Amino acid sequence: QRKNPFSSDDRLASKPAHTQRGDPTYGRPPEGSRTEQRGKDAHSHVGKEVEELCLIIRRTGELGEDGHVSVTFGQLFETYVTISNKVVGILLRARKHGLVHFEGEMLWQGKDDDVVITLL
């Protein structure tokens, strides 16, 4: 179907039905759309949360001999949870961007309180 029969939006009929892998627009919302803007806004918001998390690690952690600031997950969780309940998700995003390092795939409150998180 090129057009959703349940939609009254005629603009959908003029769009291609599918994009192919390798196409630069594959998996991306149409340029200038509200969906694209929501994605940009969400990316910006998460980026600010990652920056804030790094500042909190710097403020609450201890400087090690290697010159990096480190904090335990338990201490960071207790400090950051009053700001946001998404501490683990933000930590994973920060690690993905090479800003922090910690062992393991996921951190769990209580079980992983002694895991050291290092600010890179």
C-alpha atoms as a PDB file:
ATOM      1  CA  GLN A   1       0.000   0.000   0.000  1.00  0.00           C
ATOM      2  CA  ARG A   2       1.341   3.406  -0.882  1.00  0.00           C
ATOM      3  CA  LYS A   3      -1.273   5.160   1.244  1.00  0.00           C
ATOM      4  CA  ASN A   4      -2.689   4.201   4.609  1.00  0.00           C
ATOM      5  CA  PRO A   5      -6.435   3.729   4.029  1.00  0.00           C
ATOM      6  CA  PHE A   6      -7.101   4.866   7.610  1.00  0.00           C
ATOM      7  CA  SER A   7      -5.374   8.210   7.145  1.00  0.00           C
ATOM      8  CA  SER A   8      -6.895  11.322   5.667  1.00  0.00           C
ATOM      9  CA  ASP A   9      -3.444  12.730   4.874  1.00  0.00           C
ATOM     10  CA  ASP A  10      -3.089  12.775   1.072  1.00  0.00           C
ATOM     11  CA  ARG A  11       0.599  13.734   1.291  1.00  0.00           C
ATOM     12  CA  LEU A  12       1.442  10.110   2.118  1.00  0.00           C
ATOM     13  CA  ALA A  13       0.521   8.964  -1.384  1.00  0.00           C
ATOM     14  CA  SER A  14       3.358  10.938  -2.959  1.00  0.00           C
ATOM     15  CA  LYS A  15       6.077   9.436  -0.768  1.00  0.00           C
ATOM     16  CA  PRO A  16       7.952   6.325  -1.867  1.00  0.00           C
ATOM     17  CA  ALA A  17       6.678   3.159  -0.251  1.00  0.00           C
ATOM     18  CA  HIS A  18      10.062   1.908   0.991  1.00  0.00           C
ATOM     19  CA  THR A  19      13.636   3.033   1.094  1.00  0.00           C
ATOM     20  CA  GLN A  20      16.411   0.543   0.550  1.00  0.00           C
ATOM     21  CA  ARG A  21      19.425  -0.164   2.726  1.00  0.00           C
ATOM     22  CA  GLY A  22      22.293   2.005   1.610  1.00  0.00           C
ATOM     23  CA  ASP A  23      19.939   4.897   0.873  1.00  0.00           C
ATOM     24  CA  PRO A  24      21.043   7.870   3.028  1.00  0.00           C
ATOM     25  CA  THR A  25      17.437   8.382   4.179  1.00  0.00           C
ATOM     26  CA  TYR A  26      16.980   4.742   5.220  1.00  0.00           C
ATOM     27  CA  GLY A  27      15.755   4.538   8.834  1.00  0.00           C
ATOM     28  CA  ARG A  28      15.476   8.319   9.153  1.00  0.00           C
ATOM     29  CA  PRO A  29      12.361  10.474   9.433  1.00  0.00           C
ATOM     30  CA  PRO A  30      11.592  12.827   6.565  1.00  0.00           C
ATOM     31  CA  GLU A  31      13.726  15.956   6.651  1.00  0.00           C
ATOM     32  CA  GLY A  32      11.960  18.896   8.276  1.00  0.00           C
ATOM     33  CA  SER A  33       9.246  16.720   9.822  1.00  0.00           C
ATOM     34  CA  ARG A  34       8.040  16.977  13.396  1.00  0.00           C
ATOM     35  CA  THR A  35       9.396  13.480  13.984  1.00  0.00           C
ATOM     36  CA  GLU A  36      12.866  14.635  12.985  1.00  0.00           C
ATOM     37  CA  GLN A  37      12.586  17.625  15.334  1.00  0.00           C
ATOM     38  CA  ARG A  38      11.442  15.424  18.239  1.00  0.00           C
ATOM     39  CA  GLY A  39      14.447  13.182  17.644  1.00  0.00           C
ATOM     40  CA  LYS A  40      16.824  16.145  17.655  1.00  0.00           C
ATOM     41  CA  ASP A  41      15.233  17.487  20.848  1.00  0.00           C
ATOM     42  CA  ALA A  42      15.514  14.086  22.564  1.00  0.00           C
ATOM     43  CA  HIS A  43      19.161  13.740  21.503  1.00  0.00           C
ATOM     44  CA  SER A  44      19.921  17.194  22.912  1.00  0.00           C
ATOM     45  CA  HIS A  45      18.121  16.421  26.187  1.00  0.00           C
ATOM     46  CA  VAL A  46      19.991  13.147  26.708  1.00  0.00           C
ATOM     47  CA  GLY A  47      23.270  14.903  25.873  1.00  0.00           C
ATOM     48  CA  LYS A  48      22.618  17.426  28.629  1.00  0.00           C
ATOM     49  CA  GLU A  49      21.849  14.619  31.099  1.00  0.00           C
ATOM     50  CA  VAL A  50      25.127  12.880  30.178  1.00  0.00           C
ATOM     51  CA  GLU A  51      27.028  16.151  30.753  1.00  0.00           C
ATOM     52  CA  GLU A  52      25.317  16.600  34.116  1.00  0.00           C
ATOM     53  CA  LEU A  53      26.177  13.029  35.123  1.00  0.00           C
ATOM     54  CA  CYS A  54      29.850  13.614  34.250  1.00  0.00           C
ATOM     55  CA  LEU A  55      29.862  16.796  36.356  1.00  0.00           C
ATOM     56  CA  ILE A  56      28.401  14.900  39.309  1.00  0.00           C
ATOM     57  CA  ILE A  57      31.020  12.155  38.956  1.00  0.00           C
ATOM     58  CA  ARG A  58      33.739  14.821  38.893  1.00  0.00           C
ATOM     59  CA  ARG A  59      32.278  16.535  41.969  1.00  0.00           C
ATOM     60  CA  THR A  60      31.600  13.428  44.086  1.00  0.00           C
ATOM     61  CA  GLY A  61      34.399  11.140  42.929  1.00  0.00           C
ATOM     62  CA  GLU A  62      38.019  10.912  43.979  1.00  0.00           C
ATOM     63  CA  LEU A  63      41.042  11.631  41.827  1.00  0.00           C
ATOM     64  CA  GLY A  64      43.099   8.485  41.326  1.00  0.00           C
ATOM     65  CA  GLU A  65      46.818   8.094  40.730  1.00  0.00           C
ATOM     66  CA  ASP A  66      46.133   7.699  37.016  1.00  0.00           C
ATOM     67  CA  GLY A  67      44.586  11.194  36.909  1.00  0.00           C
ATOM     68  CA  HIS A  68      41.031   9.950  36.379  1.00  0.00           C
ATOM     69  CA  VAL A  69      38.135  10.646  38.739  1.00  0.00           C
ATOM     70  CA  SER A  70      36.342   7.527  40.012  1.00  0.00           C
ATOM     71  CA  VAL A  71      33.237   6.882  42.084  1.00  0.00           C
ATOM     72  CA  THR A  72      31.397   3.730  43.130  1.00  0.00           C
ATOM     73  CA  PHE A  73      28.031   3.015  41.574  1.00  0.00           C
ATOM     74  CA  GLY A  74      26.359   3.012  44.996  1.00  0.00           C
ATOM     75  CA  GLN A  75      27.627   6.483  45.825  1.00  0.00           C
ATOM     76  CA  LEU A  76      26.736   7.807  42.374  1.00  0.00           C
ATOM     77  CA  PHE A  77      23.284   6.222  42.519  1.00  0.00           C
ATOM     78  CA  GLU A  78      22.491   7.824  45.879  1.00  0.00           C
ATOM     79  CA  THR A  79      23.637  11.226  44.622  1.00  0.00           C
ATOM     80  CA  TYR A  80      22.116  11.147  41.136  1.00  0.00           C
ATOM     81  CA  VAL A  81      18.792   9.436  41.853  1.00  0.00           C
ATOM     82  CA  THR A  82      17.505  12.655  43.449  1.00  0.00           C
ATOM     83  CA  ILE A  83      18.110  14.368  40.083  1.00  0.00           C
ATOM     84  CA  SER A  84      16.934  11.639  37.707  1.00  0.00           C
ATOM     85  CA  ASN A  85      15.690   8.073  37.964  1.00  0.00           C
ATOM     86  CA  LYS A  86      17.467   7.186  34.707  1.00  0.00           C
ATOM     87  CA  VAL A  87      20.989   6.939  36.155  1.00  0.00           C
ATOM     88  CA  VAL A  88      21.751   3.512  34.660  1.00  0.00           C
ATOM     89  CA  GLY A  89      20.519   4.467  31.192  1.00  0.00           C
ATOM     90  CA  ILE A  90      22.504   7.689  31.243  1.00  0.00           C
ATOM     91  CA  LEU A  91      25.601   5.774  32.398  1.00  0.00           C
ATOM     92  CA  LEU A  92      25.216   3.354  29.494  1.00  0.00           C
ATOM     93  CA  ARG A  93      24.911   6.264  27.048  1.00  0.00           C
ATOM     94  CA  ALA A  94      27.981   7.957  28.563  1.00  0.00           C
ATOM     95  CA  ARG A  95      29.950   4.711  28.183  1.00  0.00           C
ATOM     96  CA  LYS A  96      28.799   4.361  24.573  1.00  0.00           C
ATOM     97  CA  HIS A  97      30.271   7.802  23.883  1.00  0.00           C
ATOM     98  CA  GLY A  98      33.537   6.943  25.637  1.00  0.00           C
ATOM     99  CA  LEU A  99      33.055   9.307  28.582  1.00  0.00           C
ATOM    100  CA  VAL A 100      33.015   6.751  31.403  1.00  0.00           C
ATOM    101  CA  HIS A 101      34.225   3.201  32.000  1.00  0.00           C
ATOM    102  CA  PHE A 102      32.872   0.460  34.264  1.00  0.00           C
ATOM    103  CA  GLU A 103      32.909  -3.329  34.256  1.00  0.00           C
ATOM    104  CA  GLY A 104      29.849  -5.316  33.257  1.00  0.00           C
ATOM    105  CA  GLU A 105      26.992  -4.868  30.848  1.00  0.00           C
ATOM    106  CA  MET A 106      24.405  -3.537  33.303  1.00  0.00           C
ATOM    107  CA  LEU A 107      24.512  -2.098  36.812  1.00  0.00           C
ATOM    108  CA  TRP A 108      21.957  -3.063  39.470  1.00  0.00           C
ATOM    109  CA  GLN A 109      21.263  -1.132  42.655  1.00  0.00           C
ATOM    110  CA  GLY A 110      22.446  -3.060  45.700  1.00  0.00           C
ATOM    111  CA  LYS A 111      24.206  -5.821  43.764  1.00  0.00           C
ATOM    112  CA  ASP A 112      26.687  -3.551  41.948  1.00  0.00           C
ATOM    113  CA  ASP A 113      27.132  -0.789  44.548  1.00  0.00           C
ATOM    114  CA  ASP A 114      30.889  -1.464  44.729  1.00  0.00           C
ATOM    115  CA  VAL A 115      31.502  -1.275  40.961  1.00  0.00           C
ATOM    116  CA  VAL A 116      33.905   1.570  40.181  1.00  0.00           C
ATOM    117  CA  ILE A 117      32.880   4.072  37.524  1.00  0.00           C
ATOM    118  CA  THR A 118      35.777   6.012  36.036  1.00  0.00           C
ATOM    119  CA  LEU A 119      35.385   9.334  34.257  1.00  0.00           C
ATOM    120  CA  LEU A 120      37.485   9.307  31.109  1.00  0.00           C
END
